[in-house]
Amino acid sequence: MRRINQFLSTLDLSDYEIAAGLTNGEIERPDWMGVTEDTDHLKIWDMEDENACAHFGFLTIPYSDDDVN
């Protein structure tokens, strides 16, 4: 999780902007980062971390249309 938090801290964006950027390619995703998208959230995890996967050890970025101003 540490590497994910470091990556996200370099972005000066809202959760909605990060989720959109990671899914549409505007934000270049590191090779080690796994991403899965759902209806109202994005899960990201470090694929090289033995304790992280899409089912455990992920970071959830919630978003919805209400987040857009």
Protein backbone atom coordinates (compact mmCIF):
# COMPACT_ATOMS: atom_id res chain seq x y z
CA MET A 1 0.00 0.00 0.00
CA ARG A 2 2.90 2.30 0.66
CA ARG A 3 3.85 2.52 -3.01
CA ILE A 4 0.24 3.25 -3.99
CA ASN A 5 -0.05 6.01 -1.39
CA GLN A 6 3.22 7.53 -2.60
CA PHE A 7 1.99 7.44 -6.20
CA LEU A 8 -1.36 9.03 -5.31
CA SER A 9 0.30 11.73 -3.19
CA THR A 10 2.11 13.00 -6.29
CA LEU A 11 -1.24 13.68 -7.98
CA ASP A 12 -3.01 16.91 -7.07
CA LEU A 13 -6.41 15.58 -8.14
CA SER A 14 -9.74 14.62 -6.59
CA ASP A 15 -10.69 10.95 -6.20
CA TYR A 16 -13.06 11.33 -9.15
CA GLU A 17 -10.28 12.77 -11.34
CA ILE A 18 -7.86 10.01 -10.31
CA ALA A 19 -10.41 7.28 -11.03
CA ALA A 20 -11.26 8.81 -14.41
CA GLY A 21 -7.62 9.37 -15.32
CA LEU A 22 -6.57 5.82 -14.44
CA THR A 23 -9.40 4.27 -16.46
CA ASN A 24 -9.21 6.52 -19.53
CA GLY A 25 -5.41 6.58 -19.76
CA GLU A 26 -4.87 10.26 -18.93
CA ILE A 27 -2.89 9.16 -15.88
CA GLU A 28 -0.14 6.71 -16.79
CA ARG A 29 -0.57 3.67 -14.58
CA PRO A 30 2.63 2.07 -13.29
CA ASP A 31 3.23 -1.53 -14.46
CA TRP A 32 2.97 -2.75 -10.87
CA MET A 33 -0.49 -1.26 -10.29
CA GLY A 34 -3.58 -3.42 -10.69
CA VAL A 35 -6.91 -1.71 -11.33
CA THR A 36 -10.47 -2.95 -11.42
CA GLU A 37 -13.47 -0.71 -12.00
CA ASP A 38 -16.95 -1.11 -10.58
CA THR A 39 -20.11 0.98 -10.85
CA ASP A 40 -19.19 3.55 -8.21
CA HIS A 41 -15.59 2.85 -7.25
CA LEU A 42 -12.18 1.84 -8.47
CA LYS A 43 -9.95 -0.67 -6.69
CA ILE A 44 -6.19 -0.33 -7.05
CA TRP A 45 -3.48 -2.54 -5.60
CA ASP A 46 0.23 -3.27 -5.88
CA MET A 47 0.50 -6.45 -7.96
CA GLU A 48 4.05 -7.03 -6.71
CA ASP A 49 2.99 -6.91 -3.04
CA GLU A 50 2.50 -10.45 -1.71
CA ASN A 51 -0.20 -9.19 0.70
CA ALA A 52 -2.27 -7.31 -1.87
CA CYS A 53 -4.75 -8.42 -4.50
CA ALA A 54 -8.12 -7.42 -5.94
CA HIS A 55 -9.89 -9.21 -3.08
CA PHE A 56 -7.64 -8.16 -0.18
CA GLY A 57 -5.07 -5.41 0.28
CA PHE A 58 -6.51 -2.92 -2.17
CA LEU A 59 -7.30 0.78 -1.96
CA THR A 60 -10.82 1.85 -2.94
CA ILE A 61 -11.37 5.17 -4.68
CA PRO A 62 -15.09 6.01 -4.53
CA TYR A 63 -16.61 8.22 -7.18
CA SER A 64 -19.99 9.21 -8.53
CA ASP A 65 -21.51 11.83 -10.77
CA ASP A 66 -22.28 13.82 -7.61
CA ASP A 67 -18.52 14.37 -7.17
CA VAL A 68 -18.30 16.44 -10.35
CA ASN A 69 -18.90 20.16 -9.92
